[in-house]
């Protein structure tokens, strides 16, 4: 079953990248429509699927992060260059302290794939923390920014799951 899911991910990466590109366009539009980062965040604001995408002349990167109300999380990172594709799947638990506005997570299992084949798996128990800001368009949350001291900030855009499921379902 897991291999079938990964094969489906391989076939559907371009659809996900298209959705992420549309989300980036929405983010750009939001900037010009006086959207901004909110200061007061509740834990429930973080529930859902978030996407980050980057591309240059050498490679493409897509990172999908799911944050569930049960405090479980899943990261799927996909990177491709001219020759190879790399995937990392990370299961984690997370929490958000509303008072300090700090997000924390503990990775429990990380699995690495190279060109569609599982290479290794580990159970690291690695933890990390970051400050969180939400990007809102009116009252709607459209993005999340993870701020880690000494590192580049990463902004993920909210993924509309109904739209994503519909587009993926149309491929099958």
N, C-alpha and C. Protein backbone atom coordinates (compact mmCIF):
# COMPACT_ATOMS: atom_id res chain seq x y z
N UNK A 1 0.82 -1.19 0.00
CA UNK A 1 0.00 0.00 0.00
C UNK A 1 0.87 1.25 0.00
N UNK A 2 1.93 1.24 0.85
CA UNK A 2 2.80 2.41 0.95
C UNK A 2 3.47 2.70 -0.39
N UNK A 3 3.93 1.63 -1.07
CA UNK A 3 4.58 1.83 -2.38
C UNK A 3 3.60 2.42 -3.38
N UNK A 4 2.33 1.98 -3.33
CA UNK A 4 1.32 2.52 -4.23
C UNK A 4 1.11 4.01 -3.96
N UNK A 5 1.09 4.39 -2.68
CA UNK A 5 0.95 5.80 -2.33
C UNK A 5 2.12 6.60 -2.88
N UNK A 6 3.34 6.08 -2.70
CA UNK A 6 4.52 6.79 -3.20
C UNK A 6 4.50 6.89 -4.72
N UNK A 7 4.04 5.83 -5.41
CA UNK A 7 3.95 5.89 -6.87
C UNK A 7 2.93 6.95 -7.28
N UNK A 8 1.82 7.03 -6.54
CA UNK A 8 0.83 8.06 -6.83
C UNK A 8 1.40 9.44 -6.60
N UNK A 9 2.22 9.59 -5.54
CA UNK A 9 2.86 10.88 -5.28
C UNK A 9 3.76 11.24 -6.46
N UNK A 10 4.54 10.27 -6.96
CA UNK A 10 5.40 10.54 -8.11
C UNK A 10 4.60 11.03 -9.29
N UNK A 11 3.46 10.38 -9.57
CA UNK A 11 2.65 10.75 -10.72
C UNK A 11 1.93 12.08 -10.53
N UNK A 12 1.73 12.46 -9.29
CA UNK A 12 0.92 13.64 -9.02
C UNK A 12 1.72 14.84 -8.57
N UNK A 13 3.03 14.71 -8.54
CA UNK A 13 3.86 15.83 -8.09
C UNK A 13 3.61 17.07 -8.92
N UNK A 14 3.46 16.92 -10.23
CA UNK A 14 3.27 18.10 -11.06
C UNK A 14 1.96 18.81 -10.72
N UNK A 15 0.92 18.07 -10.37
CA UNK A 15 -0.35 18.68 -9.97
C UNK A 15 -0.14 19.47 -8.68
N UNK A 16 0.56 18.87 -7.72
CA UNK A 16 0.81 19.55 -6.46
C UNK A 16 1.63 20.80 -6.70
N UNK A 17 2.64 20.71 -7.57
CA UNK A 17 3.45 21.89 -7.87
C UNK A 17 2.61 22.99 -8.50
N UNK A 18 1.66 22.63 -9.36
CA UNK A 18 0.77 23.62 -9.95
C UNK A 18 -0.08 24.30 -8.88
N UNK A 19 -0.58 23.50 -7.94
CA UNK A 19 -1.38 24.06 -6.86
C UNK A 19 -0.54 25.01 -6.03
N UNK A 20 0.69 24.59 -5.73
CA UNK A 20 1.58 25.45 -4.93
C UNK A 20 1.87 26.74 -5.67
N UNK A 21 2.08 26.67 -6.98
CA UNK A 21 2.33 27.88 -7.77
C UNK A 21 1.13 28.82 -7.69
N UNK A 22 -0.08 28.25 -7.73
CA UNK A 22 -1.28 29.09 -7.59
C UNK A 22 -1.34 29.73 -6.21
N UNK A 23 -0.94 28.97 -5.20
CA UNK A 23 -0.92 29.53 -3.85
C UNK A 23 0.10 30.66 -3.74
N UNK A 24 1.23 30.52 -4.41
CA UNK A 24 2.23 31.60 -4.40
C UNK A 24 1.64 32.84 -5.06
N UNK A 25 0.92 32.66 -6.16
CA UNK A 25 0.26 33.79 -6.81
C UNK A 25 -0.74 34.45 -5.86
N UNK A 26 -1.47 33.63 -5.10
CA UNK A 26 -2.41 34.16 -4.12
C UNK A 26 -1.67 34.97 -3.06
N UNK A 27 -0.52 34.48 -2.62
CA UNK A 27 0.28 35.20 -1.64
C UNK A 27 0.73 36.55 -2.19
N UNK A 28 1.18 36.58 -3.43
CA UNK A 28 1.61 37.84 -4.06
C UNK A 28 0.43 38.80 -4.15
N UNK A 29 -0.73 38.28 -4.55
CA UNK A 29 -1.93 39.13 -4.62
C UNK A 29 -2.28 39.66 -3.23
N UNK A 30 -2.12 38.81 -2.21
CA UNK A 30 -2.45 39.23 -0.85
C UNK A 30 -1.59 40.40 -0.41
N UNK A 31 -0.32 40.37 -0.80
CA UNK A 31 0.58 41.47 -0.43
C UNK A 31 0.08 42.78 -1.00
N UNK A 32 -0.41 42.73 -2.23
CA UNK A 32 -0.90 43.96 -2.86
C UNK A 32 -2.31 44.33 -2.43
N UNK A 33 -2.98 43.44 -1.70
CA UNK A 33 -4.34 43.72 -1.23
C UNK A 33 -4.33 44.01 0.26
N UNK A 34 -3.19 44.45 0.78
CA UNK A 34 -3.06 44.86 2.17
C UNK A 34 -3.28 43.72 3.16
N UNK A 35 -2.81 42.55 2.82
CA UNK A 35 -2.83 41.45 3.78
C UNK A 35 -1.62 41.60 4.68
N UNK A 36 -1.65 40.92 5.81
CA UNK A 36 -0.51 41.02 6.70
C UNK A 36 -0.42 39.84 7.63
N UNK A 37 0.69 39.80 8.37
CA UNK A 37 0.88 38.74 9.33
C UNK A 37 0.16 39.11 10.61
N UNK A 38 -0.58 38.16 11.15
CA UNK A 38 -1.35 38.38 12.37
C UNK A 38 -0.48 38.16 13.60
N UNK A 39 -0.82 38.81 14.67
CA UNK A 39 -0.04 38.71 15.89
C UNK A 39 -0.64 37.73 16.89
N UNK A 40 -1.97 37.54 16.89
CA UNK A 40 -2.61 36.66 17.85
C UNK A 40 -2.99 35.37 17.15
N UNK A 41 -2.38 34.26 17.60
CA UNK A 41 -2.58 32.97 16.95
C UNK A 41 -3.09 31.98 17.99
N UNK A 42 -4.08 31.18 17.60
CA UNK A 42 -4.55 30.09 18.44
C UNK A 42 -4.09 28.77 17.81
N UNK A 43 -4.06 27.74 18.61
CA UNK A 43 -3.61 26.43 18.13
C UNK A 43 -4.44 25.96 16.94
N UNK A 44 -5.74 26.19 16.98
CA UNK A 44 -6.61 25.72 15.90
C UNK A 44 -6.32 26.43 14.57
N UNK A 45 -5.70 27.60 14.61
CA UNK A 45 -5.31 28.29 13.37
C UNK A 45 -4.30 27.48 12.57
N UNK A 46 -3.58 26.59 13.24
CA UNK A 46 -2.49 25.86 12.60
C UNK A 46 -2.93 24.55 11.95
N UNK A 47 -4.14 24.08 12.26
CA UNK A 47 -4.60 22.80 11.71
C UNK A 47 -4.71 22.88 10.20
N UNK A 48 -4.28 21.82 9.53
CA UNK A 48 -4.44 21.74 8.09
C UNK A 48 -3.16 21.34 7.39
N UNK A 49 -3.17 21.51 6.07
CA UNK A 49 -2.02 21.17 5.24
C UNK A 49 -1.43 22.47 4.71
N UNK A 50 -0.10 22.54 4.76
CA UNK A 50 0.65 23.73 4.38
C UNK A 50 1.69 23.33 3.34
N UNK A 51 2.00 24.21 2.39
CA UNK A 51 2.93 23.88 1.31
C UNK A 51 3.98 24.97 1.13
N UNK A 52 5.20 24.52 0.86
CA UNK A 52 6.32 25.40 0.55
C UNK A 52 6.96 24.85 -0.71
N UNK A 53 7.29 25.72 -1.66
CA UNK A 53 7.89 25.29 -2.90
C UNK A 53 9.01 26.25 -3.30
N UNK A 54 10.06 25.69 -3.88
CA UNK A 54 11.18 26.50 -4.38
C UNK A 54 11.73 25.83 -5.62
N UNK A 55 12.27 26.65 -6.51
CA UNK A 55 12.83 26.13 -7.75
C UNK A 55 13.94 27.06 -8.21
N UNK A 56 15.01 26.47 -8.71
CA UNK A 56 16.06 27.24 -9.38
C UNK A 56 16.53 26.47 -10.60
N UNK A 57 17.63 26.90 -11.20
CA UNK A 57 18.10 26.26 -12.41
C UNK A 57 18.51 24.81 -12.18
N UNK A 58 18.88 24.48 -10.97
CA UNK A 58 19.43 23.16 -10.68
C UNK A 58 18.43 22.17 -10.11
N UNK A 59 17.41 22.63 -9.38
CA UNK A 59 16.53 21.69 -8.70
C UNK A 59 15.19 22.32 -8.34
N UNK A 60 14.24 21.44 -7.98
CA UNK A 60 12.92 21.84 -7.50
C UNK A 60 12.72 21.23 -6.13
N UNK A 61 11.96 21.92 -5.29
CA UNK A 61 11.68 21.44 -3.94
C UNK A 61 10.22 21.69 -3.61
N UNK A 62 9.58 20.70 -3.02
CA UNK A 62 8.21 20.85 -2.54
C UNK A 62 8.16 20.24 -1.15
N UNK A 63 7.62 20.98 -0.18
CA UNK A 63 7.47 20.48 1.18
C UNK A 63 6.01 20.65 1.59
N UNK A 64 5.35 19.55 1.88
CA UNK A 64 3.98 19.57 2.38
C UNK A 64 4.02 19.19 3.85
N UNK A 65 3.32 19.94 4.68
CA UNK A 65 3.26 19.69 6.11
C UNK A 65 1.81 19.64 6.55
N UNK A 66 1.44 18.55 7.22
CA UNK A 66 0.09 18.41 7.74
C UNK A 66 0.15 18.50 9.26
N UNK A 67 -0.68 19.38 9.83
CA UNK A 67 -0.77 19.54 11.28
C UNK A 67 -2.19 19.17 11.70
N UNK A 68 -2.31 18.05 12.43
CA UNK A 68 -3.61 17.53 12.83
C UNK A 68 -3.98 18.02 14.24
N UNK A 69 -5.30 18.14 14.52
CA UNK A 69 -5.73 18.53 15.87
C UNK A 69 -5.25 17.56 16.96
N UNK A 70 -4.95 16.33 16.59
CA UNK A 70 -4.47 15.32 17.54
C UNK A 70 -3.01 15.53 17.93
N UNK A 71 -2.40 16.61 17.43
CA UNK A 71 -0.99 16.94 17.66
C UNK A 71 -0.05 16.00 16.93
N UNK A 72 -0.56 15.28 15.94
CA UNK A 72 0.29 14.49 15.05
C UNK A 72 0.58 15.33 13.82
N UNK A 73 1.74 15.08 13.22
CA UNK A 73 2.09 15.81 12.02
C UNK A 73 2.82 14.92 11.03
N UNK A 74 2.81 15.35 9.80
CA UNK A 74 3.49 14.63 8.73
C UNK A 74 4.11 15.64 7.78
N UNK A 75 5.39 15.47 7.51
CA UNK A 75 6.10 16.26 6.49
C UNK A 75 6.43 15.34 5.34
N UNK A 76 6.21 15.83 4.13
CA UNK A 76 6.70 15.14 2.94
C UNK A 76 7.48 16.17 2.15
N UNK A 77 8.77 15.92 2.01
CA UNK A 77 9.65 16.81 1.27
C UNK A 77 10.07 16.08 0.00
N UNK A 78 9.91 16.73 -1.14
CA UNK A 78 10.27 16.15 -2.44
C UNK A 78 11.24 17.11 -3.11
N UNK A 79 12.39 16.60 -3.49
CA UNK A 79 13.39 17.40 -4.20
C UNK A 79 13.79 16.65 -5.46
N UNK A 80 13.92 17.38 -6.56
CA UNK A 80 14.30 16.77 -7.84
C UNK A 80 15.35 17.63 -8.50
N UNK A 81 16.32 16.96 -9.13
CA UNK A 81 17.24 17.67 -10.01
C UNK A 81 17.19 16.98 -11.37
N UNK A 82 18.15 17.25 -12.23
CA UNK A 82 18.14 16.68 -13.57
C UNK A 82 18.22 15.16 -13.59
N UNK A 83 18.88 14.57 -12.58
CA UNK A 83 19.11 13.14 -12.59
C UNK A 83 18.30 12.36 -11.57
N UNK A 84 18.07 12.93 -10.41
CA UNK A 84 17.53 12.16 -9.30
C UNK A 84 16.35 12.85 -8.64
N UNK A 85 15.58 12.03 -7.92
CA UNK A 85 14.53 12.57 -7.06
C UNK A 85 14.77 12.06 -5.65
N UNK A 86 14.51 12.93 -4.69
CA UNK A 86 14.72 12.61 -3.29
C UNK A 86 13.44 12.92 -2.54
N UNK A 87 13.04 12.02 -1.66
CA UNK A 87 11.85 12.24 -0.84
C UNK A 87 12.21 11.94 0.60
N UNK A 88 11.65 12.73 1.48
CA UNK A 88 11.80 12.50 2.91
C UNK A 88 10.41 12.57 3.51
N UNK A 89 10.08 11.54 4.26
CA UNK A 89 8.80 11.50 4.97
C UNK A 89 9.12 11.51 6.46
N UNK A 90 8.52 12.47 7.17
CA UNK A 90 8.80 12.62 8.60
C UNK A 90 7.49 12.63 9.38
N UNK A 91 7.37 11.71 10.31
CA UNK A 91 6.23 11.70 11.23
C UNK A 91 6.68 12.40 12.51
N UNK A 92 5.82 13.25 13.05
CA UNK A 92 6.19 13.99 14.25
C UNK A 92 4.96 14.30 15.10
N UNK A 93 5.22 14.70 16.33
CA UNK A 93 4.19 15.26 17.18
C UNK A 93 4.51 16.74 17.33
N UNK A 94 3.49 17.53 17.57
CA UNK A 94 3.71 18.98 17.65
C UNK A 94 2.83 19.58 18.75
N UNK A 95 3.19 20.79 19.13
CA UNK A 95 2.39 21.54 20.08
C UNK A 95 2.60 23.02 19.81
N UNK A 96 1.66 23.81 20.26
CA UNK A 96 1.76 25.26 20.10
C UNK A 96 1.37 25.91 21.42
N UNK A 97 2.27 26.72 21.96
CA UNK A 97 2.01 27.44 23.19
C UNK A 97 1.42 28.80 22.81
N UNK A 98 0.12 28.96 23.07
CA UNK A 98 -0.55 30.20 22.68
C UNK A 98 -0.03 31.41 23.44
N UNK A 99 0.44 31.21 24.65
CA UNK A 99 0.94 32.32 25.46
C UNK A 99 2.25 32.86 24.89
N UNK A 100 3.17 31.98 24.55
CA UNK A 100 4.48 32.41 24.04
C UNK A 100 4.52 32.48 22.51
N UNK A 101 3.47 31.94 21.85
CA UNK A 101 3.40 31.89 20.39
C UNK A 101 4.55 31.07 19.80
N UNK A 102 4.96 30.02 20.54
CA UNK A 102 6.05 29.15 20.09
C UNK A 102 5.50 27.80 19.66
N UNK A 103 5.98 27.33 18.52
CA UNK A 103 5.63 26.04 17.95
C UNK A 103 6.78 25.08 18.25
N UNK A 104 6.44 23.86 18.66
CA UNK A 104 7.48 22.86 18.90
C UNK A 104 7.07 21.55 18.26
N UNK A 105 8.07 20.79 17.84
CA UNK A 105 7.79 19.48 17.26
C UNK A 105 8.90 18.51 17.63
N UNK A 106 8.52 17.23 17.66
CA UNK A 106 9.48 16.16 17.91
C UNK A 106 9.30 15.13 16.80
N UNK A 107 10.35 14.94 15.98
CA UNK A 107 10.31 13.95 14.91
C UNK A 107 10.45 12.56 15.50
N UNK A 108 9.56 11.63 15.08
CA UNK A 108 9.59 10.27 15.61
C UNK A 108 10.09 9.26 14.58
N UNK A 109 9.85 9.53 13.32
CA UNK A 109 10.31 8.60 12.28
C UNK A 109 10.59 9.40 11.02
N UNK A 110 11.75 9.16 10.44
CA UNK A 110 12.12 9.80 9.18
C UNK A 110 12.51 8.71 8.21
N UNK A 111 11.91 8.73 7.01
CA UNK A 111 12.22 7.75 5.98
C UNK A 111 12.72 8.50 4.75
N UNK A 112 13.82 8.00 4.17
CA UNK A 112 14.45 8.63 3.01
C UNK A 112 14.26 7.75 1.78
N UNK A 113 13.95 8.38 0.65
CA UNK A 113 13.79 7.69 -0.62
C UNK A 113 14.68 8.37 -1.65
N UNK A 114 15.32 7.57 -2.49
CA UNK A 114 16.11 8.10 -3.60
C UNK A 114 15.59 7.41 -4.86
N UNK A 115 15.17 8.23 -5.83
CA UNK A 115 14.61 7.73 -7.08
C UNK A 115 13.51 6.70 -6.85
N UNK A 116 12.64 6.97 -5.87
CA UNK A 116 11.49 6.13 -5.61
C UNK A 116 11.74 4.92 -4.74
N UNK A 117 12.98 4.66 -4.37
CA UNK A 117 13.30 3.48 -3.55
C UNK A 117 13.68 3.91 -2.14
N UNK A 118 13.12 3.20 -1.16
CA UNK A 118 13.45 3.52 0.23
C UNK A 118 14.92 3.21 0.47
N UNK A 119 15.64 4.19 0.98
CA UNK A 119 17.07 4.04 1.26
C UNK A 119 17.33 3.75 2.72
N UNK A 120 16.63 4.46 3.59
CA UNK A 120 16.86 4.26 5.02
C UNK A 120 15.70 4.84 5.82
N UNK A 121 15.67 4.45 7.07
CA UNK A 121 14.66 4.95 7.98
C UNK A 121 15.31 5.06 9.36
N UNK A 122 14.90 6.07 10.09
CA UNK A 122 15.46 6.24 11.43
C UNK A 122 14.39 6.79 12.36
N UNK A 123 14.63 6.61 13.65
CA UNK A 123 13.74 7.10 14.69
C UNK A 123 14.52 8.07 15.57
N UNK A 124 14.64 9.34 15.14
CA UNK A 124 15.60 10.26 15.75
C UNK A 124 15.20 10.90 17.08
N UNK A 125 13.92 11.10 17.32
CA UNK A 125 13.46 11.85 18.50
C UNK A 125 14.09 13.24 18.54
N UNK A 126 14.20 13.88 17.37
CA UNK A 126 14.75 15.23 17.28
C UNK A 126 13.67 16.25 17.57
N UNK A 127 14.01 17.29 18.30
CA UNK A 127 13.04 18.33 18.60
C UNK A 127 13.50 19.66 18.02
N UNK A 128 12.53 20.51 17.75
CA UNK A 128 12.83 21.86 17.27
C UNK A 128 11.71 22.79 17.71
N UNK A 129 12.03 24.06 17.79
CA UNK A 129 11.04 25.08 18.15
C UNK A 129 11.18 26.26 17.21
N UNK A 130 10.08 26.97 17.02
CA UNK A 130 10.13 28.17 16.20
C UNK A 130 8.99 29.10 16.62
N UNK A 131 9.18 30.35 16.34
CA UNK A 131 8.13 31.35 16.50
C UNK A 131 7.23 31.23 15.27
N UNK A 132 5.96 31.55 15.43
CA UNK A 132 5.00 31.42 14.34
C UNK A 132 4.33 32.76 14.08
N UNK A 133 4.14 33.06 12.80
CA UNK A 133 3.27 34.17 12.38
C UNK A 133 2.35 33.63 11.31
N UNK A 134 1.12 34.11 11.27
CA UNK A 134 0.16 33.70 10.25
C UNK A 134 -0.08 34.84 9.27
N UNK A 135 -0.14 34.51 8.00
CA UNK A 135 -0.49 35.48 6.97
C UNK A 135 -1.99 35.36 6.73
N UNK A 136 -2.68 36.50 6.86
CA UNK A 136 -4.12 36.51 6.68
C UNK A 136 -4.50 37.42 5.52
N UNK A 137 -5.54 37.02 4.84
CA UNK A 137 -6.18 37.84 3.82
C UNK A 137 -7.58 38.09 4.34
N UNK A 138 -7.81 39.29 4.86
CA UNK A 138 -9.05 39.55 5.58
C UNK A 138 -9.03 38.73 6.85
N UNK A 139 -10.03 37.89 7.04
CA UNK A 139 -10.09 37.00 8.21
C UNK A 139 -9.58 35.60 7.89
N UNK A 140 -9.28 35.33 6.62
CA UNK A 140 -8.87 33.99 6.20
C UNK A 140 -7.35 33.81 6.35
N UNK A 141 -6.95 32.73 7.01
CA UNK A 141 -5.54 32.39 7.14
C UNK A 141 -5.09 31.76 5.82
N UNK A 142 -4.06 32.34 5.20
CA UNK A 142 -3.57 31.81 3.92
C UNK A 142 -2.11 31.37 3.99
N UNK A 143 -1.41 31.67 5.08
CA UNK A 143 -0.01 31.29 5.16
C UNK A 143 0.47 31.22 6.59
N UNK A 144 1.56 30.52 6.77
CA UNK A 144 2.19 30.38 8.08
C UNK A 144 3.69 30.58 7.92
N UNK A 145 4.26 31.38 8.80
CA UNK A 145 5.70 31.63 8.75
C UNK A 145 6.36 31.03 9.98
N UNK A 146 7.38 30.20 9.74
CA UNK A 146 8.18 29.61 10.82
C UNK A 146 9.45 30.44 10.95
N UNK A 147 9.70 30.97 12.14
CA UNK A 147 10.85 31.84 12.38
C UNK A 147 11.77 31.15 13.38
N UNK A 148 12.97 30.78 12.92
CA UNK A 148 13.96 30.13 13.77
C UNK A 148 15.18 31.04 13.80
N UNK A 149 15.60 31.42 15.00
CA UNK A 149 16.74 32.32 15.14
C UNK A 149 17.98 31.74 14.46
N UNK A 150 18.63 32.57 13.65
CA UNK A 150 19.84 32.15 12.97
C UNK A 150 19.61 31.40 11.67
N UNK A 151 18.34 31.21 11.26
CA UNK A 151 18.01 30.52 10.02
C UNK A 151 17.08 31.39 9.19
N UNK A 152 16.96 31.07 7.91
CA UNK A 152 16.02 31.77 7.05
C UNK A 152 14.60 31.40 7.45
N UNK A 153 13.72 32.41 7.47
CA UNK A 153 12.30 32.14 7.73
C UNK A 153 11.73 31.34 6.57
N UNK A 154 10.75 30.48 6.87
CA UNK A 154 10.07 29.74 5.82
C UNK A 154 8.58 30.02 5.92
N UNK A 155 7.99 30.43 4.80
CA UNK A 155 6.57 30.68 4.75
C UNK A 155 5.90 29.59 3.93
N UNK A 156 4.95 28.92 4.56
CA UNK A 156 4.15 27.88 3.91
C UNK A 156 2.77 28.47 3.63
N UNK A 157 2.17 28.07 2.53
CA UNK A 157 0.83 28.53 2.19
C UNK A 157 -0.18 27.44 2.50
N UNK A 158 -1.37 27.85 2.90
CA UNK A 158 -2.44 26.91 3.24
C UNK A 158 -2.91 26.21 1.98
N UNK A 159 -3.08 24.90 2.06
CA UNK A 159 -3.55 24.10 0.94
C UNK A 159 -5.04 23.84 1.13
N UNK A 160 -5.83 24.11 0.11
CA UNK A 160 -7.25 23.81 0.12
C UNK A 160 -7.40 22.33 -0.19
N UNK A 161 -7.68 21.52 0.84
CA UNK A 161 -7.71 20.07 0.69
C UNK A 161 -8.80 19.59 -0.25
N UNK A 162 -9.97 20.22 -0.25
CA UNK A 162 -11.04 19.80 -1.14
C UNK A 162 -10.60 19.96 -2.59
N UNK A 163 -9.98 21.09 -2.91
CA UNK A 163 -9.51 21.34 -4.26
C UNK A 163 -8.41 20.36 -4.64
N UNK A 164 -7.47 20.10 -3.71
CA UNK A 164 -6.39 19.16 -3.98
C UNK A 164 -6.93 17.76 -4.22
N UNK A 165 -7.84 17.28 -3.37
CA UNK A 165 -8.41 15.95 -3.53
C UNK A 165 -9.18 15.83 -4.83
N UNK A 166 -9.90 16.88 -5.22
CA UNK A 166 -10.65 16.85 -6.47
C UNK A 166 -9.71 16.74 -7.66
N UNK A 167 -8.64 17.53 -7.65
CA UNK A 167 -7.69 17.49 -8.77
C UNK A 167 -6.96 16.16 -8.84
N UNK A 168 -6.57 15.60 -7.69
CA UNK A 168 -5.91 14.30 -7.70
C UNK A 168 -6.89 13.21 -8.10
N UNK A 169 -8.13 13.30 -7.64
CA UNK A 169 -9.15 12.30 -7.99
C UNK A 169 -9.43 12.29 -9.48
N UNK A 170 -9.37 13.42 -10.12
CA UNK A 170 -9.61 13.49 -11.57
C UNK A 170 -8.53 12.80 -12.37
N UNK A 171 -7.37 12.58 -11.80
CA UNK A 171 -6.28 11.89 -12.51
C UNK A 171 -6.47 10.38 -12.53
N UNK A 172 -7.18 9.85 -11.55
CA UNK A 172 -7.30 8.40 -11.42
C UNK A 172 -8.38 7.84 -12.30
